[in-house]
Amino acid sequence: MNPKKKRNKNRRRARKLAEQAWEAADDNNLDLAVKIIRRAVEFDPGNPVLWNDQGMLLLRLNDDDQAADAFQAAISLAPDFAEAYAHLAQVRVREGNVSQAVVLQREAVKNKPESERHQKQLAAFKALSGLHSNSILPLSAKAATQGDSDECDVERALKSEYPDLATRVRNLDWLAIEESLTRKGYTRLRALLSAEHCNSLRMMFDDDTLFSQTVKMNKSRFGKGVYRYFGSPLPRLVDAIRRVFYPHVSKIANVWQRLLEEDEQYPPDWEEFRIRCAEAGQSAPTPLLLRYETGGFNAPHQDIRGDVYFPLQLVIIVSPLADPSDTDEVGFTGGEFLFCDQPERKKTDRCRIPAGLGDAVLFCTRARLVHIGGVYGLKPVKHGMDRLQSGIRYALGVPFHEYF
């Protein structure tokens, strides 16, 4: 085989291996993913994208040193590779070297100035390093300097824009919610969103400008559906939902921290928690819209991305359930929210929570609280969606922490 044909063959092998590596990562098999991506790099060592992928997977494995080496290799091969600069900046922040992170993030912005995500991350790093001006001061810090309440400017504005939502969340029976979450690991919230807000969210799904990533899942073992991750800035309604919920769920999370005898506490407002995520190199938005058609499902799983995460997560159904008495109404059947302990003894032990238009489920992200032998501990859990029998089901997923 002549050298050119061999190079082309190796490149095809490398691309295939890279796809397999990310499939393994999606299955939370990170050790295998790193082994596969390293093999891909061996086949095509001059490909900066493969080096960048290797760094990203090593980051998820918390191997910061080797991740940094991989990102630097990508930059040496492609000095204008914005993503590699941004990822290396995240490593430096995790190491506590924020000033170097600012320099690297500036390079990311310079090489991809149209990226709002890179610009937002640069502003966050500048704020952390004390290099910011008032124009990019974190919103929570602005509020503090003005002698205002704990709420930041944007939270007050969003509450004014969505007063019904703010009132609805404030008036929920939070004591009962805490009790249900502590006892079962989940709770259902009836009619959280209005039909108007649900319709607004459904209409967003086909607007490509709102999303940074689309995942089309069609695997018999894992799920069948389409997941679209919002880009930055978030739509104001989505931002409002996360911000009005966070102060209430952070109180619950902090009660659990005390019961578990953990010293670390969650900040009382979301903007402060956002800064904590940024310090760990996590600045990508997490909310997403999910769409399932007949036959769609989501196998029980955990959402594990990032060192900093929040123990509770919210999902809101924004499509109507089918009404058997109304043959003209468009709605879905099946598609119940699933919640189960791990290890799962049998499928019949899964909790199936039906939810329709505007209903929400607040649930534990990775583990629920258990009380055994006079002490509290954590029981791993998973969540998913039962198979959709008919219709189309849209849902808004709202994790409270940011990702890489």
Protein backbone atom coordinates (compact mmCIF):
# COMPACT_ATOMS: atom_id res chain seq x y z
CA MET A 1 0.00 0.00 0.00
CA ASN A 2 1.42 3.37 -0.98
CA PRO A 3 1.94 5.99 1.78
CA LYS A 4 -1.00 8.17 0.70
CA LYS A 5 -3.50 5.29 0.78
CA LYS A 6 -2.16 4.17 4.15
CA ARG A 7 -2.57 7.69 5.60
CA ASN A 8 -6.15 7.86 4.34
CA LYS A 9 -6.90 4.43 5.78
CA ASN A 10 -5.45 5.43 9.15
CA ARG A 11 -7.53 8.61 9.15
CA ARG A 12 -10.71 6.63 8.52
CA ARG A 13 -9.77 4.25 11.36
CA ALA A 14 -9.13 7.20 13.65
CA ARG A 15 -12.50 8.80 12.87
CA LYS A 16 -14.29 5.51 13.55
CA LEU A 17 -12.42 5.03 16.82
CA ALA A 18 -13.28 8.58 17.89
CA GLU A 19 -16.97 7.84 17.35
CA GLN A 20 -16.63 4.67 19.44
CA ALA A 21 -14.84 6.62 22.19
CA TRP A 22 -17.68 9.11 22.53
CA GLU A 23 -20.24 6.29 22.50
CA ALA A 24 -18.37 4.72 25.41
CA ALA A 25 -18.31 8.08 27.17
CA ASP A 26 -22.08 8.46 26.67
CA ASP A 27 -22.42 5.09 28.39
CA ASN A 28 -20.33 6.48 31.31
CA ASN A 29 -17.48 4.07 30.51
CA LEU A 30 -14.78 6.74 30.64
CA ASP A 31 -11.80 4.44 31.12
CA LEU A 32 -12.68 2.61 27.91
CA ALA A 33 -13.38 5.91 26.12
CA VAL A 34 -9.89 7.20 26.94
CA LYS A 35 -8.26 3.96 25.76
CA ILE A 36 -10.11 4.14 22.46
CA ILE A 37 -9.39 7.82 21.80
CA ARG A 38 -5.70 7.26 22.49
CA ARG A 39 -5.75 4.53 19.87
CA ALA A 40 -7.39 6.99 17.48
CA VAL A 41 -4.60 9.52 18.10
CA GLU A 42 -2.00 6.84 17.36
CA PHE A 43 -3.55 6.30 13.93
CA ASP A 44 -3.74 10.03 13.13
CA PRO A 45 -1.33 11.94 15.42
CA GLY A 46 -1.43 15.06 13.25
CA ASN A 47 -5.16 15.63 13.80
CA PRO A 48 -5.71 18.41 16.38
CA VAL A 49 -9.39 17.53 16.77
CA LEU A 50 -8.47 14.07 18.04
CA TRP A 51 -6.04 15.55 20.56
CA ASN A 52 -8.78 17.93 21.71
CA ASP A 53 -11.21 15.01 22.07
CA GLN A 54 -8.63 13.13 24.10
CA GLY A 55 -8.24 16.12 26.40
CA MET A 56 -12.00 16.44 26.88
CA LEU A 57 -12.35 12.78 27.82
CA LEU A 58 -9.39 12.99 30.20
CA LEU A 59 -11.03 16.01 31.82
CA ARG A 60 -14.15 13.97 32.45
CA LEU A 61 -11.89 11.35 34.01
CA ASN A 62 -10.39 14.12 36.23
CA ASP A 63 -6.90 13.60 34.79
CA ASP A 64 -6.09 17.31 34.49
CA ASP A 65 -2.36 16.95 33.78
CA GLN A 66 -2.72 14.64 30.79
CA ALA A 67 -5.74 16.61 29.59
CA ALA A 68 -3.61 19.77 29.55
CA ASP A 69 -0.92 17.96 27.55
CA ALA A 70 -3.53 16.87 25.00
CA PHE A 71 -4.95 20.39 24.60
CA GLN A 72 -1.44 21.82 24.22
CA ALA A 73 -0.73 19.23 21.51
CA ALA A 74 -3.90 20.33 19.70
CA ILE A 75 -2.83 23.98 19.89
CA SER A 76 0.66 23.23 18.62
CA LEU A 77 -0.88 21.49 15.58
CA ALA A 78 -3.53 24.20 15.04
CA PRO A 79 -2.56 27.54 16.65
CA ASP A 80 -6.00 29.00 15.80
CA PHE A 81 -7.99 26.16 17.45
CA ALA A 82 -10.33 28.14 19.72
CA GLU A 83 -11.91 25.12 21.46
CA ALA A 84 -8.52 23.78 22.55
CA TYR A 85 -7.61 27.15 24.09
CA ALA A 86 -10.95 27.27 25.94
CA HIS A 87 -10.58 23.74 27.29
CA LEU A 88 -7.00 24.38 28.42
CA ALA A 89 -8.28 27.52 30.17
CA GLN A 90 -10.74 25.34 32.10
CA VAL A 91 -7.86 23.14 33.27
CA ARG A 92 -5.93 26.19 34.50
CA VAL A 93 -8.95 27.42 36.46
CA ARG A 94 -9.30 24.01 38.10
CA GLU A 95 -5.62 24.28 39.07
CA GLY A 96 -6.21 27.74 40.55
CA ASN A 97 -4.22 29.57 37.86
CA VAL A 98 -7.01 31.96 36.85
CA SER A 99 -4.71 34.61 35.33
CA GLN A 100 -3.34 32.09 32.82
CA ALA A 101 -6.89 30.94 32.13
CA VAL A 102 -7.79 34.52 31.17
CA VAL A 103 -4.89 34.64 28.70
CA LEU A 104 -5.90 31.33 27.13
CA GLN A 105 -9.57 32.26 26.98
CA ARG A 106 -8.66 35.51 25.23
CA GLU A 107 -7.04 33.40 22.53
CA ALA A 108 -10.24 31.38 22.22
CA VAL A 109 -12.26 34.57 21.74
CA LYS A 110 -9.68 35.99 19.33
CA ASN A 111 -9.85 32.90 17.12
CA LYS A 112 -13.63 32.50 17.35
CA PRO A 113 -15.05 35.97 18.13
CA GLU A 114 -18.59 34.99 17.14
CA SER A 115 -18.84 32.46 20.00
CA GLU A 116 -20.97 33.87 22.84
CA ARG A 117 -19.95 30.91 24.98
CA HIS A 118 -16.25 31.82 24.73
CA GLN A 119 -17.02 35.47 25.48
CA LYS A 120 -19.13 34.56 28.49
CA GLN A 121 -16.43 32.27 29.83
CA LEU A 122 -13.81 34.99 29.40
CA ALA A 123 -15.98 37.39 31.40
CA ALA A 124 -16.40 34.78 34.14
CA PHE A 125 -12.65 34.14 34.33
CA LYS A 126 -11.91 37.87 34.44
CA ALA A 127 -14.36 38.24 37.30
CA LEU A 128 -12.66 35.42 39.18
CA SER A 129 -9.22 36.92 38.68
CA GLY A 130 -10.22 40.41 39.79
CA LEU A 131 -9.45 41.86 36.36
CA HIS A 132 -13.06 42.81 35.61
CA SER A 133 -14.58 46.24 35.20
CA ASN A 134 -18.04 47.16 36.38
CA SER A 135 -19.43 46.29 32.94
CA ILE A 136 -18.63 42.60 33.39
CA LEU A 137 -18.98 42.34 37.15
CA PRO A 138 -20.98 39.24 38.10
CA LEU A 139 -24.61 40.19 38.60
CA SER A 140 -24.65 38.98 42.18
CA ALA A 141 -21.65 41.21 42.96
CA LYS A 142 -23.42 44.19 41.39
CA ALA A 143 -26.37 43.67 43.65
CA ALA A 144 -24.11 43.45 46.68
CA THR A 145 -22.27 46.66 45.84
CA GLN A 146 -25.57 48.48 45.48
CA GLY A 147 -26.71 47.39 48.91
CA ASP A 148 -29.69 45.47 47.48
CA SER A 149 -31.22 42.21 48.65
CA ASP A 150 -29.70 38.78 47.99
CA GLU A 151 -31.32 38.73 44.53
CA CYS A 152 -29.23 39.90 41.60
CA ASP A 153 -30.46 42.33 38.97
CA VAL A 154 -31.39 39.70 36.42
CA GLU A 155 -33.38 37.67 38.96
CA ARG A 156 -35.45 40.70 39.95
CA ALA A 157 -36.04 41.50 36.28
CA LEU A 158 -37.12 37.95 35.47
CA LYS A 159 -39.49 37.81 38.42
CA SER A 160 -41.05 41.05 37.21
CA GLU A 161 -41.36 39.59 33.70
CA TYR A 162 -42.86 36.30 34.94
CA PRO A 163 -44.74 37.27 38.14
CA ASP A 164 -47.17 34.33 37.93
CA LEU A 165 -44.32 31.83 37.76
CA ALA A 166 -42.46 33.46 40.66
CA THR A 167 -45.62 33.48 42.78
CA ARG A 168 -46.49 29.89 41.89
CA VAL A 169 -43.05 28.62 42.89
CA ARG A 170 -42.95 30.71 46.08
CA ASN A 171 -46.39 29.40 47.16
CA LEU A 172 -45.56 25.72 46.66
CA ASP A 173 -45.70 23.63 49.85
CA TRP A 174 -41.95 23.43 50.24
CA LEU A 175 -42.11 21.53 53.53
CA ALA A 176 -44.11 18.76 51.84
CA ILE A 177 -41.75 18.86 48.86
CA GLU A 178 -38.73 18.46 51.14
CA GLU A 179 -40.39 15.58 52.95
CA SER A 180 -41.19 13.76 49.70
CA LEU A 181 -37.70 14.29 48.28
CA THR A 182 -36.07 13.13 51.51
CA ARG A 183 -38.31 10.07 51.77
CA LYS A 184 -38.66 8.99 48.14
CA GLY A 185 -36.12 10.96 46.11
CA TYR A 186 -38.71 12.65 43.90
CA THR A 187 -41.90 14.72 44.01
CA ARG A 188 -44.51 15.69 41.42
CA LEU A 189 -45.57 19.32 41.04
CA ARG A 190 -48.98 19.71 39.41
CA ALA A 191 -49.67 22.52 36.90
CA LEU A 192 -46.39 24.32 37.50
CA LEU A 193 -46.41 26.06 34.10
CA SER A 194 -49.33 27.62 32.25
CA ALA A 195 -50.46 26.29 28.88
CA GLU A 196 -49.15 29.53 27.32
CA HIS A 197 -45.65 29.00 28.73
CA CYS A 198 -45.70 25.34 27.67
CA ASN A 199 -46.63 26.35 24.14
CA SER A 200 -43.79 28.90 24.08
CA LEU A 201 -41.31 26.19 25.07
CA ARG A 202 -42.57 23.73 22.45
CA MET A 203 -42.25 26.41 19.76
CA MET A 204 -38.57 26.87 20.69
CA PHE A 205 -37.64 23.33 19.65
CA ASP A 206 -37.33 24.08 15.93
CA ASP A 207 -35.40 27.34 16.38
CA ASP A 208 -31.80 26.28 15.65
CA THR A 209 -30.43 29.62 16.87
CA LEU A 210 -31.35 28.75 20.47
CA PHE A 211 -29.32 25.56 20.77
CA SER A 212 -25.63 24.69 20.99
CA GLN A 213 -25.95 20.92 20.61
CA THR A 214 -28.48 18.38 19.31
CA VAL A 215 -28.33 14.69 20.19
CA LYS A 216 -30.42 12.18 18.25
CA MET A 217 -30.63 9.04 20.34
CA ASN A 218 -31.77 5.82 18.67
CA LYS A 219 -30.29 2.91 20.59
CA SER A 220 -32.38 -0.03 21.74
CA ARG A 221 -30.57 -0.23 25.09
CA PHE A 222 -30.42 3.45 25.94
CA GLY A 223 -33.22 5.43 24.35
CA LYS A 224 -34.95 6.92 21.34
CA GLY A 225 -35.56 10.65 21.11
CA VAL A 226 -34.04 14.04 20.31
CA TYR A 227 -32.32 16.20 22.96
CA ARG A 228 -31.44 19.84 22.23
CA TYR A 229 -29.15 21.69 24.66
CA PHE A 230 -29.72 25.44 24.90
CA GLY A 231 -26.84 27.74 24.08
CA SER A 232 -25.93 30.95 25.87
CA PRO A 233 -27.74 33.18 26.60
CA LEU A 234 -30.68 31.05 27.71
CA PRO A 235 -34.22 32.01 26.66
CA ARG A 236 -35.58 34.25 29.41
CA LEU A 237 -38.37 31.85 30.39
CA VAL A 238 -35.89 28.98 30.85
CA ASP A 239 -33.52 31.24 32.80
CA ALA A 240 -36.42 32.41 34.99
CA ILE A 241 -37.49 28.85 35.84
CA ARG A 242 -34.01 27.89 37.00
CA ARG A 243 -33.47 31.08 38.99
CA VAL A 244 -36.82 31.13 40.83
CA PHE A 245 -36.46 27.46 41.81
CA TYR A 246 -32.83 27.50 42.95
CA PRO A 247 -33.18 29.39 46.29
CA HIS A 248 -35.79 26.89 47.46
CA VAL A 249 -34.00 23.72 46.36
CA SER A 250 -30.65 24.97 47.71
CA LYS A 251 -32.22 25.11 51.18
CA ILE A 252 -33.27 21.46 50.85
CA ALA A 253 -29.83 20.47 49.57
CA ASN A 254 -28.18 22.23 52.52
CA VAL A 255 -30.42 20.39 55.00
CA TRP A 256 -29.19 17.15 53.46
CA GLN A 257 -25.59 18.33 53.68
CA ARG A 258 -26.02 18.85 57.42
CA LEU A 259 -27.69 15.45 57.84
CA LEU A 260 -24.76 13.88 55.98
CA GLU A 261 -22.35 15.85 58.20
CA GLU A 262 -20.82 17.55 55.16
CA ASP A 263 -19.21 20.96 55.72
CA GLU A 264 -19.79 22.37 52.22
CA GLN A 265 -22.99 24.34 51.71
CA TYR A 266 -24.66 25.47 48.48
CA PRO A 267 -24.89 29.24 47.90
CA PRO A 268 -28.36 30.74 48.51
CA ASP A 269 -28.76 32.22 45.00
CA TRP A 270 -28.07 30.70 41.60
CA GLU A 271 -25.69 33.41 40.39
CA GLU A 272 -23.25 32.56 43.20
CA PHE A 273 -23.55 28.88 42.36
CA ARG A 274 -22.88 29.70 38.70
CA ILE A 275 -19.60 31.31 39.75
CA ARG A 276 -18.68 28.19 41.72
CA CYS A 277 -19.27 26.13 38.58
CA ALA A 278 -17.11 28.54 36.55
CA GLU A 279 -14.28 28.17 39.05
CA ALA A 280 -14.33 24.45 38.25
CA GLY A 281 -14.20 25.19 34.53
CA GLN A 282 -17.91 24.47 34.02
CA SER A 283 -19.66 27.21 32.07
CA ALA A 284 -21.78 25.49 29.40
CA PRO A 285 -25.57 25.81 29.92
CA THR A 286 -27.33 22.62 31.00
CA PRO A 287 -31.08 23.14 30.31
CA LEU A 288 -32.42 21.20 27.34
CA LEU A 289 -35.59 20.44 25.41
CA LEU A 290 -36.47 16.80 24.78
CA ARG A 291 -38.78 15.45 22.07
CA TYR A 292 -40.12 11.90 21.92
CA GLU A 293 -42.39 10.41 19.27
CA THR A 294 -44.41 7.17 19.46
CA GLY A 295 -42.08 4.38 20.56
CA GLY A 296 -39.60 6.79 22.13
CA PHE A 297 -38.13 6.13 25.57
CA ASN A 298 -35.21 6.97 27.84
CA ALA A 299 -33.60 4.10 29.74
CA PRO A 300 -32.82 4.76 33.43
CA HIS A 301 -29.53 6.63 33.73
CA GLN A 302 -27.63 9.24 35.75
CA ASP A 303 -26.61 12.68 34.50
CA ILE A 304 -22.95 12.74 35.56
CA ARG A 305 -20.94 15.56 34.01
CA GLY A 306 -18.62 17.80 35.99
CA ASP A 307 -17.01 17.85 39.42
CA VAL A 308 -19.48 20.47 40.67
CA TYR A 309 -23.07 19.35 40.45
CA PHE A 310 -26.37 19.99 42.21
CA PRO A 311 -28.16 17.05 43.87
CA LEU A 312 -31.63 17.92 42.50
CA GLN A 313 -32.93 18.30 38.96
CA LEU A 314 -36.23 19.44 37.41
CA VAL A 315 -38.16 18.19 34.38
CA ILE A 316 -41.33 19.88 33.13
CA ILE A 317 -43.73 18.24 30.66
CA VAL A 318 -44.86 20.78 28.07
CA SER A 319 -47.18 18.56 26.00
CA PRO A 320 -50.75 17.52 26.91
CA LEU A 321 -51.77 14.01 27.88
CA ALA A 322 -54.35 12.47 25.55
CA ASP A 323 -57.93 12.75 26.79
CA PRO A 324 -59.85 9.54 25.92
CA SER A 325 -63.15 11.46 26.04
CA ASP A 326 -61.99 14.04 23.47
CA THR A 327 -61.17 12.43 20.13
CA ASP A 328 -60.19 15.77 18.60
CA GLU A 329 -57.52 16.62 21.17
CA VAL A 330 -53.89 15.95 20.28
CA GLY A 331 -51.96 14.42 23.17
CA PHE A 332 -49.66 11.59 24.19
CA THR A 333 -50.11 8.33 26.07
CA GLY A 334 -47.45 6.47 28.02
CA GLY A 335 -44.15 8.25 28.57
CA GLU A 336 -44.31 8.18 32.38
CA PHE A 337 -41.29 9.53 34.26
CA LEU A 338 -39.20 6.68 35.70
CA PHE A 339 -37.27 6.70 38.97
CA CYS A 340 -35.48 3.75 40.57
CA ASP A 341 -32.83 2.80 43.10
CA GLN A 342 -29.50 1.27 42.10
CA PRO A 343 -28.75 -1.54 41.87
CA GLU A 344 -32.21 -2.26 40.47
CA ARG A 345 -33.55 -5.60 41.59
CA LYS A 346 -36.35 -5.83 39.01
CA LYS A 347 -38.10 -3.50 36.59
CA THR A 348 -41.39 -3.74 38.47
CA ASP A 349 -39.75 -1.82 41.34
CA ARG A 350 -39.46 1.29 39.17
CA CYS A 351 -41.60 4.25 40.21
CA ARG A 352 -43.70 5.46 37.27
CA ILE A 353 -44.89 9.04 37.65
CA PRO A 354 -47.51 10.21 35.11
CA ALA A 355 -47.31 13.89 34.21
CA GLY A 356 -49.09 16.06 31.64
CA LEU A 357 -49.14 19.62 30.37
CA GLY A 358 -47.34 21.93 32.79
CA ASP A 359 -46.65 19.22 35.39
CA ALA A 360 -43.12 18.87 36.73
CA VAL A 361 -41.05 16.28 38.56
CA LEU A 362 -38.32 17.40 40.95
CA PHE A 363 -35.94 14.52 41.62
CA CYS A 364 -32.53 13.50 42.95
CA THR A 365 -29.82 13.68 40.31
CA ARG A 366 -27.43 10.92 41.40
CA ALA A 367 -28.42 9.65 44.86
CA ARG A 368 -31.23 9.99 47.38
CA LEU A 369 -30.99 10.31 51.15
CA VAL A 370 -31.45 7.15 53.24
CA HIS A 371 -31.58 6.73 57.02
CA ILE A 372 -30.10 3.45 58.22
CA GLY A 373 -28.87 2.52 61.69
CA GLY A 374 -29.29 6.02 63.07
CA VAL A 375 -27.15 7.71 60.41
CA TYR A 376 -27.82 9.21 57.00
CA GLY A 377 -26.23 8.05 53.79
CA LEU A 378 -26.78 8.14 50.03
CA LYS A 379 -28.46 5.54 47.83
CA PRO A 380 -27.61 5.75 44.09
CA VAL A 381 -30.62 6.33 41.83
CA LYS A 382 -31.42 6.60 38.13
CA HIS A 383 -34.18 8.29 36.15
CA GLY A 384 -35.65 7.94 32.68
CA MET A 385 -38.89 7.80 30.69
CA ASP A 386 -41.18 4.85 29.96
CA ARG A 387 -41.97 4.06 26.34
CA LEU A 388 -44.34 6.49 24.62
CA GLN A 389 -47.42 4.63 23.39
CA SER A 390 -48.77 7.36 21.12
CA GLY A 391 -48.39 11.03 20.23
CA ILE A 392 -45.48 13.41 20.78
CA ARG A 393 -44.09 14.38 24.19
CA TYR A 394 -41.94 17.49 24.75
CA ALA A 395 -40.21 18.19 28.05
CA LEU A 396 -37.88 20.81 29.49
CA GLY A 397 -34.97 19.47 31.53
CA VAL A 398 -33.41 21.85 34.08
CA PRO A 399 -30.23 20.75 35.88
CA PHE A 400 -29.11 23.47 38.29
CA HIS A 401 -25.37 23.21 37.62
CA GLU A 402 -23.39 24.09 34.51
CA TYR A 403 -21.37 21.55 32.53
CA PHE A 404 -17.91 21.68 30.89
